[in-house]
Structure formats: C-alpha cells, structure tokens
Amino acid sequence: VRLVESGGGLVQAGGSLRLSCAVSGSIFNIHDMAWYRQAPGKQRELVATITSGGSTGYADSVKGRFTISRDNLKSTVYLQMNSLKPEDTAVYYCNSDGSRVGGSYDNWGQGTQVTVSS
C-alpha cells in the first residue's frame, strides 16, 4: 500500500493551498484518513481526520480554516487550507488505515512541505 502526497509549496500569509494524498495498492477498504504535520523541532501533530462515512475532526488551531475531504472512487484524501498563517509551516503527512490483501494496513505518505511566508 502506497500513499503519495502532492500540493505543497510556498505561499504568502492569507493564501491557500490544497493538498492531495492518493492511496494505491491491493486495497479492499479504506477506513480512516488523516492529515498530520510536523514543524521543525516539534512533534508530529494531528491536523484533521475523516472517517469512511465522512465524519470529520480538526485540531483547534485549524478549525474554520482547513477542510478535509475524500473521494472514495479515487482513493484520495484532500486538505483545503485557507487563510494560511506562518505557524502552519510544516511538513504535512497523510495517513490511512484499512484492509488489504493479506490483512490490514496503516501507512504514511512521504510528506509534502508547506511554507507560509509572513
């Protein structure tokens, strides 16, 4: 099972970016999907989650600015980030768990850099 993120980059404060994460491999079902981030010198933190049924959850720091969504037909999760702040600068990772050929999986993507300039 492979997760590949895209969409990171450099943006000015107040701008927007949309991250994507595509899941591929011998998958039966994708359960929960999530975005995490890790800033330099800090621990990785949960940003947003979405269940297979579409229920979402957000860190307080991004509520009202970020929106997580998923396209089950494309096995892809998205993170729309608006009103970006310099403190949103981090490497963003997607995570997914579910069932696959041979059992279950719980995998991470390689990360995509988001840099917000002031």
PDB file of N, CA and C in Angstrom:
ATOM      1  N   VAL A   1       0.872  -1.177   0.000  1.00  0.00           N
ATOM      2  CA  VAL A   1       0.000   0.000   0.000  1.00  0.00           C
ATOM      3  C   VAL A   1       0.907   1.225   0.000  1.00  0.00           C
ATOM      4  N   ARG A   2       0.573   2.155  -0.852  1.00  0.00           N
ATOM      5  CA  ARG A   2       1.411   3.349  -1.004  1.00  0.00           C
ATOM      6  C   ARG A   2       0.548   4.594  -0.917  1.00  0.00           C
ATOM      7  N   LEU A   3       1.035   5.607  -0.191  1.00  0.00           N
ATOM      8  CA  LEU A   3       0.367   6.894  -0.091  1.00  0.00           C
ATOM      9  C   LEU A   3       1.296   7.948  -0.687  1.00  0.00           C
ATOM     10  N   VAL A   4       0.783   8.738  -1.619  1.00  0.00           N
ATOM     11  CA  VAL A   4       1.598   9.764  -2.276  1.00  0.00           C
ATOM     12  C   VAL A   4       0.900  11.107  -2.153  1.00  0.00           C
ATOM     13  N   GLU A   5       1.581  12.041  -1.467  1.00  0.00           N
ATOM     14  CA  GLU A   5       1.038  13.382  -1.278  1.00  0.00           C
ATOM     15  C   GLU A   5       1.516  14.316  -2.377  1.00  0.00           C
ATOM     16  N   SER A   6       0.737  15.349  -2.614  1.00  0.00           N
ATOM     17  CA  SER A   6       1.118  16.404  -3.542  1.00  0.00           C
ATOM     18  C   SER A   6       0.403  17.685  -3.143  1.00  0.00           C
ATOM     19  N   GLY A   7       0.875  18.803  -3.693  1.00  0.00           N
ATOM     20  CA  GLY A   7       0.185  20.065  -3.480  1.00  0.00           C
ATOM     21  C   GLY A   7       0.864  21.040  -2.543  1.00  0.00           C
ATOM     22  N   GLY A   8       1.946  20.640  -1.920  1.00  0.00           N
ATOM     23  CA  GLY A   8       2.635  21.565  -1.030  1.00  0.00           C
ATOM     24  C   GLY A   8       3.341  22.662  -1.805  1.00  0.00           C
ATOM     25  N   GLY A   9       3.891  23.634  -1.073  1.00  0.00           N
ATOM     26  CA  GLY A   9       4.610  24.704  -1.722  1.00  0.00           C
ATOM     27  C   GLY A   9       4.783  25.904  -0.823  1.00  0.00           C
ATOM     28  N   LEU A  10       5.165  27.025  -1.437  1.00  0.00           N
ATOM     29  CA  LEU A  10       5.381  28.281  -0.734  1.00  0.00           C
ATOM     30  C   LEU A  10       4.218  29.219  -1.024  1.00  0.00           C
ATOM     31  N   VAL A  11       3.655  29.796   0.016  1.00  0.00           N
ATOM     32  CA  VAL A  11       2.527  30.700  -0.146  1.00  0.00           C
ATOM     33  C   VAL A  11       2.646  31.819   0.879  1.00  0.00           C
ATOM     34  N   GLN A  12       2.114  32.980   0.541  1.00  0.00           N
ATOM     35  CA  GLN A  12       2.117  34.094   1.488  1.00  0.00           C
ATOM     36  C   GLN A  12       1.019  33.915   2.518  1.00  0.00           C
ATOM     37  N   ALA A  13       1.211  34.531   3.654  1.00  0.00           N
ATOM     38  CA  ALA A  13       0.189  34.500   4.699  1.00  0.00           C
ATOM     39  C   ALA A  13      -1.133  35.010   4.145  1.00  0.00           C
ATOM     40  N   GLY A  14      -2.202  34.312   4.502  1.00  0.00           N
ATOM     41  CA  GLY A  14      -3.520  34.647   3.994  1.00  0.00           C
ATOM     42  C   GLY A  14      -3.896  33.884   2.738  1.00  0.00           C
ATOM     43  N   GLY A  15      -2.934  33.203   2.156  1.00  0.00           N
ATOM     44  CA  GLY A  15      -3.176  32.454   0.938  1.00  0.00           C
ATOM     45  C   GLY A  15      -3.756  31.074   1.189  1.00  0.00           C
ATOM     46  N   SER A  16      -3.887  30.311   0.107  1.00  0.00           N
ATOM     47  CA  SER A  16      -4.498  28.981   0.182  1.00  0.00           C
ATOM     48  C   SER A  16      -3.647  27.950  -0.552  1.00  0.00           C
ATOM     49  N   LEU A  17      -3.758  26.724  -0.092  1.00  0.00           N
ATOM     50  CA  LEU A  17      -3.163  25.576  -0.769  1.00  0.00           C
ATOM     51  C   LEU A  17      -4.107  24.398  -0.621  1.00  0.00           C
ATOM     52  N   ARG A  18      -4.028  23.475  -1.571  1.00  0.00           N
ATOM     53  CA  ARG A  18      -4.815  22.255  -1.480  1.00  0.00           C
ATOM     54  C   ARG A  18      -3.876  21.059  -1.594  1.00  0.00           C
ATOM     55  N   LEU A  19      -3.837  20.256  -0.559  1.00  0.00           N
ATOM     56  CA  LEU A  19      -3.026  19.049  -0.558  1.00  0.00           C
ATOM     57  C   LEU A  19      -3.877  17.854  -0.991  1.00  0.00           C
ATOM     58  N   SER A  20      -3.227  16.925  -1.669  1.00  0.00           N
ATOM     59  CA  SER A  20      -3.875  15.676  -2.074  1.00  0.00           C
ATOM     60  C   SER A  20      -3.027  14.502  -1.622  1.00  0.00           C
ATOM     61  N   CYS A  21      -3.674  13.382  -1.358  1.00  0.00           N
ATOM     62  CA  CYS A  21      -2.964  12.158  -0.981  1.00  0.00           C
ATOM     63  C   CYS A  21      -3.709  10.988  -1.601  1.00  0.00           C
ATOM     64  N   ALA A  22      -3.053  10.303  -2.517  1.00  0.00           N
ATOM     65  CA  ALA A  22      -3.663   9.167  -3.208  1.00  0.00           C
ATOM     66  C   ALA A  22      -3.144   7.859  -2.616  1.00  0.00           C
ATOM     67  N   VAL A  23      -4.074   6.956  -2.348  1.00  0.00           N
ATOM     68  CA  VAL A  23      -3.737   5.637  -1.807  1.00  0.00           C
ATOM     69  C   VAL A  23      -3.813   4.621  -2.934  1.00  0.00           C
ATOM     70  N   SER A  24      -2.782   3.800  -3.057  1.00  0.00           N
ATOM     71  CA  SER A  24      -2.775   2.786  -4.103  1.00  0.00           C
ATOM     72  C   SER A  24      -2.253   1.466  -3.550  1.00  0.00           C
ATOM     73  N   GLY A  25      -2.525   0.384  -4.284  1.00  0.00           N
ATOM     74  CA  GLY A  25      -2.090  -0.934  -3.856  1.00  0.00           C
ATOM     75  C   GLY A  25      -3.254  -1.900  -3.817  1.00  0.00           C
ATOM     76  N   SER A  26      -3.002  -3.070  -3.264  1.00  0.00           N
ATOM     77  CA  SER A  26      -4.023  -4.117  -3.203  1.00  0.00           C
ATOM     78  C   SER A  26      -4.929  -3.877  -1.995  1.00  0.00           C
ATOM     79  N   ILE A  27      -5.841  -2.934  -2.145  1.00  0.00           N
ATOM     80  CA  ILE A  27      -6.692  -2.469  -1.042  1.00  0.00           C
ATOM     81  C   ILE A  27      -8.105  -2.988  -1.204  1.00  0.00           C
ATOM     82  N   PHE A  28      -8.693  -3.416  -0.104  1.00  0.00           N
ATOM     83  CA  PHE A  28     -10.101  -3.782  -0.105  1.00  0.00           C
ATOM     84  C   PHE A  28     -10.946  -2.603   0.343  1.00  0.00           C
ATOM     85  N   ASN A  29     -10.614  -2.041   1.487  1.00  0.00           N
ATOM     86  CA  ASN A  29     -11.361  -0.910   2.026  1.00  0.00           C
ATOM     87  C   ASN A  29     -10.413   0.091   2.673  1.00  0.00           C
ATOM     88  N   ILE A  30     -10.735   1.367   2.500  1.00  0.00           N
ATOM     89  CA  ILE A  30     -10.024   2.425   3.194  1.00  0.00           C
ATOM     90  C   ILE A  30     -10.909   2.899   4.328  1.00  0.00           C
ATOM     91  N   HIS A  31     -10.422   2.854   5.527  1.00  0.00           N
ATOM     92  CA  HIS A  31     -11.210   3.278   6.684  1.00  0.00           C
ATOM     93  C   HIS A  31     -10.953   4.755   6.962  1.00  0.00           C
ATOM     94  N   ASP A  32     -10.228   5.057   8.005  1.00  0.00           N
ATOM     95  CA  ASP A  32      -9.968   6.441   8.338  1.00  0.00           C
ATOM     96  C   ASP A  32      -8.801   7.003   7.520  1.00  0.00           C
ATOM     97  N   MET A  33      -8.890   8.299   7.228  1.00  0.00           N
ATOM     98  CA  MET A  33      -7.807   9.010   6.571  1.00  0.00           C
ATOM     99  C   MET A  33      -7.545  10.273   7.366  1.00  0.00           C
ATOM    100  N   ALA A  34      -6.306  10.714   7.373  1.00  0.00           N
ATOM    101  CA  ALA A  34      -5.969  11.851   8.223  1.00  0.00           C
ATOM    102  C   ALA A  34      -4.774  12.605   7.674  1.00  0.00           C
ATOM    103  N   TRP A  35      -4.679  13.840   8.089  1.00  0.00           N
ATOM    104  CA  TRP A  35      -3.509  14.670   7.813  1.00  0.00           C
ATOM    105  C   TRP A  35      -2.841  15.030   9.141  1.00  0.00           C
ATOM    106  N   TYR A  36      -1.537  14.916   9.161  1.00  0.00           N
ATOM    107  CA  TYR A  36      -0.710  15.328  10.277  1.00  0.00           C
ATOM    108  C   TYR A  36       0.296  16.343   9.756  1.00  0.00           C
ATOM    109  N   ARG A  37       0.945  17.035  10.686  1.00  0.00           N
ATOM    110  CA  ARG A  37       2.029  17.924  10.278  1.00  0.00           C
ATOM    111  C   ARG A  37       3.113  17.934  11.351  1.00  0.00           C
ATOM    112  N   GLN A  38       4.305  18.243  10.894  1.00  0.00           N
ATOM    113  CA  GLN A  38       5.434  18.329  11.806  1.00  0.00           C
ATOM    114  C   GLN A  38       6.287  19.527  11.437  1.00  0.00           C
ATOM    115  N   ALA A  39       6.343  20.466  12.359  1.00  0.00           N
ATOM    116  CA  ALA A  39       7.177  21.652  12.183  1.00  0.00           C
ATOM    117  C   ALA A  39       8.574  21.365  12.736  1.00  0.00           C
ATOM    118  N   PRO A  40       9.576  22.115  12.270  1.00  0.00           N
ATOM    119  CA  PRO A  40      10.949  21.881  12.754  1.00  0.00           C
ATOM    120  C   PRO A  40      11.036  21.972  14.270  1.00  0.00           C
ATOM    121  N   GLY A  41      11.625  20.969  14.888  1.00  0.00           N
ATOM    122  CA  GLY A  41      11.814  20.973  16.332  1.00  0.00           C
ATOM    123  C   GLY A  41      10.579  20.637  17.136  1.00  0.00           C
ATOM    124  N   LYS A  42       9.497  20.276  16.463  1.00  0.00           N
ATOM    125  CA  LYS A  42       8.256  19.965  17.163  1.00  0.00           C
ATOM    126  C   LYS A  42       7.814  18.541  16.844  1.00  0.00           C
ATOM    127  N   GLN A  43       6.922  18.030  17.688  1.00  0.00           N
ATOM    128  CA  GLN A  43       6.373  16.696  17.457  1.00  0.00           C
ATOM    129  C   GLN A  43       5.321  16.735  16.357  1.00  0.00           C
ATOM    130  N   ARG A  44       5.135  15.596  15.734  1.00  0.00           N
ATOM    131  CA  ARG A  44       4.087  15.490  14.724  1.00  0.00           C
ATOM    132  C   ARG A  44       2.736  15.639  15.414  1.00  0.00           C
ATOM    133  N   GLU A  45       1.847  16.429  14.809  1.00  0.00           N
ATOM    134  CA  GLU A  45       0.535  16.662  15.401  1.00  0.00           C
ATOM    135  C   GLU A  45      -0.573  16.374  14.394  1.00  0.00           C
ATOM    136  N   LEU A  46      -1.706  15.944  14.926  1.00  0.00           N
ATOM    137  CA  LEU A  46      -2.869  15.663  14.105  1.00  0.00           C
ATOM    138  C   LEU A  46      -3.518  16.966  13.672  1.00  0.00           C
ATOM    139  N   VAL A  47      -3.809  17.058  12.383  1.00  0.00           N
ATOM    140  CA  VAL A  47      -4.442  18.253  11.836  1.00  0.00           C
ATOM    141  C   VAL A  47      -5.927  18.019  11.584  1.00  0.00           C
ATOM    142  N   ALA A  48      -6.255  16.939  10.874  1.00  0.00           N
ATOM    143  CA  ALA A  48      -7.646  16.681  10.517  1.00  0.00           C
ATOM    144  C   ALA A  48      -7.827  15.200  10.220  1.00  0.00           C
ATOM    145  N   THR A  49      -9.035  14.712  10.480  1.00  0.00           N
ATOM    146  CA  THR A  49      -9.362  13.315  10.206  1.00  0.00           C
ATOM    147  C   THR A  49     -10.689  13.228   9.475  1.00  0.00           C
ATOM    148  N   ILE A  50     -10.866  12.133   8.747  1.00  0.00           N
ATOM    149  CA  ILE A  50     -12.138  11.876   8.095  1.00  0.00           C
ATOM    150  C   ILE A  50     -12.352  10.365   8.069  1.00  0.00           C
ATOM    151  N   THR A  51     -13.532   9.939   8.484  1.00  0.00           N
ATOM    152  CA  THR A  51     -13.849   8.511   8.508  1.00  0.00           C
ATOM    153  C   THR A  51     -14.386   8.066   7.153  1.00  0.00           C
ATOM    154  N   SER A  52     -14.579   6.765   7.025  1.00  0.00           N
ATOM    155  CA  SER A  52     -15.131   6.236   5.778  1.00  0.00           C
ATOM    156  C   SER A  52     -16.538   6.761   5.534  1.00  0.00           C
ATOM    157  N   GLY A  53     -17.239   7.128   6.594  1.00  0.00           N
ATOM    158  CA  GLY A  53     -18.586   7.666   6.451  1.00  0.00           C
ATOM    159  C   GLY A  53     -18.631   9.167   6.246  1.00  0.00           C
ATOM    160  N   GLY A  54     -17.467   9.802   6.292  1.00  0.00           N
ATOM    161  CA  GLY A  54     -17.404  11.232   6.027  1.00  0.00           C
ATOM    162  C   GLY A  54     -17.393  12.124   7.255  1.00  0.00           C
ATOM    163  N   SER A  55     -17.375  11.540   8.448  1.00  0.00           N
ATOM    164  CA  SER A  55     -17.289  12.360   9.659  1.00  0.00           C
ATOM    165  C   SER A  55     -15.886  12.952   9.774  1.00  0.00           C
ATOM    166  N   THR A  56     -15.833  14.221  10.142  1.00  0.00           N
ATOM    167  CA  THR A  56     -14.547  14.913  10.190  1.00  0.00           C
ATOM    168  C   THR A  56     -14.227  15.438  11.577  1.00  0.00           C
ATOM    169  N   GLY A  57     -12.941  15.656  11.804  1.00  0.00           N
ATOM    170  CA  GLY A  57     -12.471  16.256  13.047  1.00  0.00           C
ATOM    171  C   GLY A  57     -11.262  17.118  12.751  1.00  0.00           C
ATOM    172  N   TYR A  58     -11.079  18.165  13.537  1.00  0.00           N
ATOM    173  CA  TYR A  58      -9.999  19.118  13.279  1.00  0.00           C
ATOM    174  C   TYR A  58      -9.299  19.516  14.569  1.00  0.00           C
ATOM    175  N   ALA A  59      -8.026  19.838  14.434  1.00  0.00           N
ATOM    176  CA  ALA A  59      -7.310  20.456  15.536  1.00  0.00           C
ATOM    177  C   ALA A  59      -7.868  21.857  15.731  1.00  0.00           C
ATOM    178  N   ASP A  60      -7.876  22.323  16.969  1.00  0.00           N
ATOM    179  CA  ASP A  60      -8.420  23.653  17.247  1.00  0.00           C
ATOM    180  C   ASP A  60      -7.707  24.733  16.442  1.00  0.00           C
ATOM    181  N   SER A  61      -6.435  24.530  16.200  1.00  0.00           N
ATOM    182  CA  SER A  61      -5.636  25.560  15.531  1.00  0.00           C
ATOM    183  C   SER A  61      -6.013  25.753  14.059  1.00  0.00           C
ATOM    184  N   VAL A  62      -6.732  24.792  13.479  1.00  0.00           N
ATOM    185  CA  VAL A  62      -7.068  24.911  12.051  1.00  0.00           C
ATOM    186  C   VAL A  62      -8.575  24.965  11.802  1.00  0.00           C
ATOM    187  N   LYS A  63      -9.379  24.842  12.850  1.00  0.00           N
ATOM    188  CA  LYS A  63     -10.837  24.882  12.670  1.00  0.00           C
ATOM    189  C   LYS A  63     -11.268  26.179  12.019  1.00  0.00           C
ATOM    190  N   GLY A  64     -12.143  26.041  11.025  1.00  0.00           N
ATOM    191  CA  GLY A  64     -12.644  27.208  10.318  1.00  0.00           C
ATOM    192  C   GLY A  64     -11.752  27.663   9.166  1.00  0.00           C
ATOM    193  N   ARG A  65     -10.537  27.105   9.089  1.00  0.00           N
ATOM    194  CA  ARG A  65      -9.616  27.485   8.003  1.00  0.00           C
ATOM    195  C   ARG A  65      -9.305  26.308   7.075  1.00  0.00           C
ATOM    196  N   PHE A  66      -9.226  25.112   7.634  1.00  0.00           N
ATOM    197  CA  PHE A  66      -8.892  23.922   6.850  1.00  0.00           C
ATOM    198  C   PHE A  66     -10.129  23.050   6.682  1.00  0.00           C
ATOM    199  N   THR A  67     -10.202  22.373   5.537  1.00  0.00           N
ATOM    200  CA  THR A  67     -11.290  21.434   5.285  1.00  0.00           C
ATOM    201  C   THR A  67     -10.722  20.140   4.720  1.00  0.00           C
ATOM    202  N   ILE A  68     -11.039  19.025   5.379  1.00  0.00           N
ATOM    203  CA  ILE A  68     -10.624  17.718   4.890  1.00  0.00           C
ATOM    204  C   ILE A  68     -11.786  17.083   4.136  1.00  0.00           C
ATOM    205  N   SER A  69     -11.472  16.413   3.038  1.00  0.00           N
ATOM    206  CA  SER A  69     -12.494  15.718   2.263  1.00  0.00           C
ATOM    207  C   SER A  69     -11.849  14.492   1.625  1.00  0.00           C
ATOM    208  N   ARG A  70     -12.693  13.613   1.102  1.00  0.00           N
ATOM    209  CA  ARG A  70     -12.160  12.411   0.458  1.00  0.00           C
ATOM    210  C   ARG A  70     -13.009  12.045  -0.738  1.00  0.00           C
ATOM    211  N   ASP A  71     -12.375  11.422  -1.715  1.00  0.00           N
ATOM    212  CA  ASP A  71     -13.052  10.889  -2.883  1.00  0.00           C
ATOM    213  C   ASP A  71     -12.790   9.391  -2.862  1.00  0.00           C
ATOM    214  N   ASN A  72     -13.775   8.617  -2.453  1.00  0.00           N
ATOM    215  CA  ASN A  72     -13.583   7.183  -2.293  1.00  0.00           C
ATOM    216  C   ASN A  72     -13.339   6.476  -3.629  1.00  0.00           C
ATOM    217  N   LEU A  73     -13.920   7.000  -4.696  1.00  0.00           N
ATOM    218  CA  LEU A  73     -13.703   6.373  -6.008  1.00  0.00           C
ATOM    219  C   LEU A  73     -12.252   6.529  -6.449  1.00  0.00           C
ATOM    220  N   LYS A  74     -11.640   7.639  -6.049  1.00  0.00           N
ATOM    221  CA  LYS A  74     -10.246   7.895  -6.416  1.00  0.00           C
ATOM    222  C   LYS A  74      -9.277   7.483  -5.318  1.00  0.00           C
ATOM    223  N   SER A  75      -9.798   6.993  -4.187  1.00  0.00           N
ATOM    224  CA  SER A  75      -8.960   6.620  -3.042  1.00  0.00           C
ATOM    225  C   SER A  75      -8.028   7.763  -2.658  1.00  0.00           C
ATOM    226  N   THR A  76      -8.587   8.954  -2.594  1.00  0.00           N
ATOM    227  CA  THR A  76      -7.799  10.161  -2.374  1.00  0.00           C
ATOM    228  C   THR A  76      -8.412  10.995  -1.255  1.00  0.00           C
ATOM    229  N   VAL A  77      -7.549  11.556  -0.425  1.00  0.00           N
ATOM    230  CA  VAL A  77      -7.966  12.482   0.611  1.00  0.00           C
ATOM    231  C   VAL A  77      -7.353  13.845   0.304  1.00  0.00           C
ATOM    232  N   TYR A  78      -8.098  14.897   0.611  1.00  0.00           N
ATOM    233  CA  TYR A  78      -7.681  16.258   0.320  1.00  0.00           C
ATOM    234  C   TYR A  78      -7.647  17.077   1.604  1.00  0.00           C
ATOM    235  N   LEU A  79      -6.841  18.134   1.587  1.00  0.00           N
ATOM    236  CA  LEU A  79      -6.840  19.099   2.675  1.00  0.00           C
ATOM    237  C   LEU A  79      -6.813  20.484   2.039  1.00  0.00           C
ATOM    238  N   GLN A  80      -7.940  21.162   2.091  1.00  0.00           N
ATOM    239  CA  GLN A  80      -8.017  22.537   1.603  1.00  0.00           C
ATOM    240  C   GLN A  80      -7.627  23.456   2.747  1.00  0.00           C
ATOM    241  N   MET A  81      -6.590  24.232   2.536  1.00  0.00           N
ATOM    242  CA  MET A  81      -6.070  25.104   3.588  1.00  0.00           C
ATOM    243  C   MET A  81      -6.229  26.552   3.149  1.00  0.00           C
ATOM    244  N   ASN A  82      -7.042  27.289   3.877  1.00  0.00           N
ATOM    245  CA  ASN A  82      -7.284  28.706   3.592  1.00  0.00           C
ATOM    246  C   ASN A  82      -6.767  29.561   4.735  1.00  0.00           C
ATOM    247  N   SER A  83      -6.635  30.850   4.467  1.00  0.00           N
ATOM    248  CA  SER A  83      -6.175  31.803   5.490  1.00  0.00           C
ATOM    249  C   SER A  83      -4.919  31.284   6.193  1.00  0.00           C
ATOM    250  N   LEU A  84      -3.968  30.855   5.411  1.00  0.00           N
ATOM    251  CA  LEU A  84      -2.763  30.255   5.972  1.00  0.00           C
ATOM    252  C   LEU A  84      -1.950  31.264   6.779  1.00  0.00           C
ATOM    253  N   LYS A  85      -1.331  30.751   7.836  1.00  0.00           N
ATOM    254  CA  LYS A  85      -0.523  31.562   8.723  1.00  0.00           C
ATOM    255  C   LYS A  85       0.912  31.026   8.736  1.00  0.00           C
ATOM    256  N   PRO A  86       1.871  31.857   9.083  1.00  0.00           N
ATOM    257  CA  PRO A  86       3.261  31.357   9.160  1.00  0.00           C
ATOM    258  C   PRO A  86       3.403  30.144  10.083  1.00  0.00           C
ATOM    259  N   GLU A  87       2.598  30.078  11.124  1.00  0.00           N
ATOM    260  CA  GLU A  87       2.685  28.947  12.043  1.00  0.00           C
ATOM    261  C   GLU A  87       2.135  27.652  11.450  1.00  0.00           C
ATOM    262  N   ASP A  88       1.548  27.713  10.270  1.00  0.00           N
ATOM    263  CA  ASP A  88       1.118  26.494   9.571  1.00  0.00           C
ATOM    264  C   ASP A  88       2.285  25.846   8.811  1.00  0.00           C
ATOM    265  N   THR A  89       3.417  26.512   8.778  1.00  0.00           N
ATOM    266  CA  THR A  89       4.584  25.977   8.091  1.00  0.00           C
ATOM    267  C   THR A  89       5.017  24.661   8.725  1.00  0.00           C
ATOM    268  N   ALA A  90       5.097  23.622   7.907  1.00  0.00           N
ATOM    269  CA  ALA A  90       5.434  22.287   8.401  1.00  0.00           C
ATOM    270  C   ALA A  90       5.506  21.324   7.220  1.00  0.00           C
ATOM    271  N   VAL A  91       5.986  20.128   7.491  1.00  0.00           N
ATOM    272  CA  VAL A  91       5.831  19.023   6.550  1.00  0.00           C
ATOM    273  C   VAL A  91       4.510  18.348   6.881  1.00  0.00           C
ATOM    274  N   TYR A  92       3.677  18.198   5.872  1.00  0.00           N
ATOM    275  CA  TYR A  92       2.353  17.610   6.059  1.00  0.00           C
ATOM    276  C   TYR A  92       2.375  16.170   5.559  1.00  0.00           C
ATOM    277  N   TYR A  93       1.858  15.285   6.402  1.00  0.00           N
ATOM    278  CA  TYR A  93       1.826  13.856   6.096  1.00  0.00           C
ATOM    279  C   TYR A  93       0.387  13.350   6.087  1.00  0.00           C
ATOM    280  N   CYS A  94       0.074  12.466   5.164  1.00  0.00           N
ATOM    281  CA  CYS A  94      -1.227  11.813   5.234  1.00  0.00           C
ATOM    282  C   CYS A  94      -1.055  10.406   5.798  1.00  0.00           C
ATOM    283  N   ASN A  95      -2.110   9.940   6.395  1.00  0.00           N
ATOM    284  CA  ASN A  95      -2.152   8.612   6.994  1.00  0.00           C
ATOM    285  C   ASN A  95      -3.472   7.956   6.653  1.00  0.00           C
ATOM    286  N   SER A  96      -3.407   6.665   6.414  1.00  0.00           N
ATOM    287  CA  SER A  96      -4.626   5.927   6.096  1.00  0.00           C
ATOM    288  C   SER A  96      -4.529   4.527   6.679  1.00  0.00           C
ATOM    289  N   ASP A  97      -5.680   4.004   7.097  1.00  0.00           N
ATOM    290  CA  ASP A  97      -5.721   2.615   7.526  1.00  0.00           C
ATOM    291  C   ASP A  97      -6.930   1.930   6.903  1.00  0.00           C
ATOM    292  N   GLY A  98      -6.854   0.620   6.822  1.00  0.00           N
ATOM    293  CA  GLY A  98      -7.942  -0.133   6.221  1.00  0.00           C
ATOM    294  C   GLY A  98      -7.556  -1.575   6.037  1.00  0.00           C
ATOM    295  N   SER A  99      -8.197  -2.238   5.110  1.00  0.00           N
ATOM    296  CA  SER A  99      -7.926  -3.646   4.847  1.00  0.00           C
ATOM    297  C   SER A  99      -7.319  -3.805   3.459  1.00  0.00           C
ATOM    298  N   ARG A 100      -6.453  -4.768   3.359  1.00  0.00           N
ATOM    299  CA  ARG A 100      -5.743  -5.031   2.106  1.00  0.00           C
ATOM    300  C   ARG A 100      -5.593  -6.530   1.924  1.00  0.00           C
ATOM    301  N   VAL A 101      -5.068  -6.916   0.776  1.00  0.00           N
ATOM    302  CA  VAL A 101      -4.764  -8.320   0.532  1.00  0.00           C
ATOM    303  C   VAL A 101      -3.781  -8.801   1.593  1.00  0.00           C
ATOM    304  N   GLY A 102      -4.160  -9.801   2.348  1.00  0.00           N
ATOM    305  CA  GLY A 102      -3.278 -10.340   3.375  1.00  0.00           C
ATOM    306  C   GLY A 102      -3.534  -9.807   4.754  1.00  0.00           C
ATOM    307  N   GLY A 103      -4.410  -8.802   4.905  1.00  0.00           N
ATOM    308  CA  GLY A 103      -4.692  -8.296   6.243  1.00  0.00           C
ATOM    309  C   GLY A 103      -5.068  -6.845   6.271  1.00  0.00           C
ATOM    310  N   SER A 104      -4.494  -6.108   7.206  1.00  0.00           N
ATOM    311  CA  SER A 104      -4.805  -4.691   7.352  1.00  0.00           C
ATOM    312  C   SER A 104      -3.577  -3.855   7.020  1.00  0.00           C
ATOM    313  N   TYR A 105      -3.785  -2.550   6.936  1.00  0.00           N
ATOM    314  CA  TYR A 105      -2.661  -1.645   6.730  1.00  0.00           C
ATOM    315  C   TYR A 105      -2.877  -0.377   7.521  1.00  0.00           C
ATOM    316  N   ASP A 106      -1.799   0.292   7.811  1.00  0.00           N
ATOM    317  CA  ASP A 106      -1.803   1.598   8.473  1.00  0.00           C
ATOM    318  C   ASP A 106      -0.521   2.283   8.004  1.00  0.00           C
ATOM    319  N   ASN A 107      -0.653   3.069   6.948  1.00  0.00           N
ATOM    320  CA  ASN A 107       0.517   3.600   6.265  1.00  0.00           C
ATOM    321  C   ASN A 107       0.570   5.120   6.253  1.00  0.00           C
ATOM    322  N   TRP A 108       1.774   5.623   6.011  1.00  0.00           N
ATOM    323  CA  TRP A 108       2.043   7.056   5.917  1.00  0.00           C
ATOM    324  C   TRP A 108       2.580   7.412   4.541  1.00  0.00           C
ATOM    325  N   GLY A 109       2.295   8.635   4.144  1.00  0.00           N
ATOM    326  CA  GLY A 109       2.922   9.169   2.959  1.00  0.00           C
ATOM    327  C   GLY A 109       4.314   9.700   3.279  1.00  0.00           C
ATOM    328  N   GLN A 110       4.990  10.188   2.255  1.00  0.00           N
ATOM    329  CA  GLN A 110       6.375  10.642   2.421  1.00  0.00           C
ATOM    330  C   GLN A 110       6.452  12.076   2.932  1.00  0.00           C
ATOM    331  N   GLY A 111       5.344  12.782   2.900  1.00  0.00           N
ATOM    332  CA  GLY A 111       5.315  14.159   3.371  1.00  0.00           C
ATOM    333  C   GLY A 111       5.462  15.167   2.254  1.00  0.00           C
ATOM    334  N   THR A 112       4.832  16.319   2.441  1.00  0.00           N
ATOM    335  CA  THR A 112       4.952  17.420   1.491  1.00  0.00           C
ATOM    336  C   THR A 112       5.143  18.715   2.282  1.00  0.00           C
ATOM    337  N   GLN A 113       6.080  19.525   1.852  1.00  0.00           N
ATOM    338  CA  GLN A 113       6.436  20.735   2.590  1.00  0.00           C
ATOM    339  C   GLN A 113       5.452  21.860   2.282  1.00  0.00           C
ATOM    340  N   VAL A 114       4.970  22.496   3.338  1.00  0.00           N
ATOM    341  CA  VAL A 114       4.152  23.705   3.219  1.00  0.00           C
ATOM    342  C   VAL A 114       4.888  24.821   3.948  1.00  0.00           C
ATOM    343  N   THR A 115       5.165  25.890   3.244  1.00  0.00           N
ATOM    344  CA  THR A 115       5.855  27.032   3.827  1.00  0.00           C
ATOM    345  C   THR A 115       5.009  28.280   3.624  1.00  0.00           C
ATOM    346  N   VAL A 116       4.696  28.955   4.726  1.00  0.00           N
ATOM    347  CA  VAL A 116       3.880  30.163   4.680  1.00  0.00           C
ATOM    348  C   VAL A 116       4.750  31.339   5.102  1.00  0.00           C
ATOM    349  N   SER A 117       4.929  32.284   4.206  1.00  0.00           N
ATOM    350  CA  SER A 117       5.762  33.442   4.491  1.00  0.00           C
ATOM    351  C   SER A 117       4.915  34.589   5.042  1.00  0.00           C
ATOM    352  N   SER A 118       5.525  35.365   5.908  1.00  0.00           N
ATOM    353  CA  SER A 118       4.782  36.485   6.525  1.00  0.00           C
ATOM    354  C   SER A 118       4.917  37.764   5.714  1.00  0.00           C
TER     355      SER A 118
END
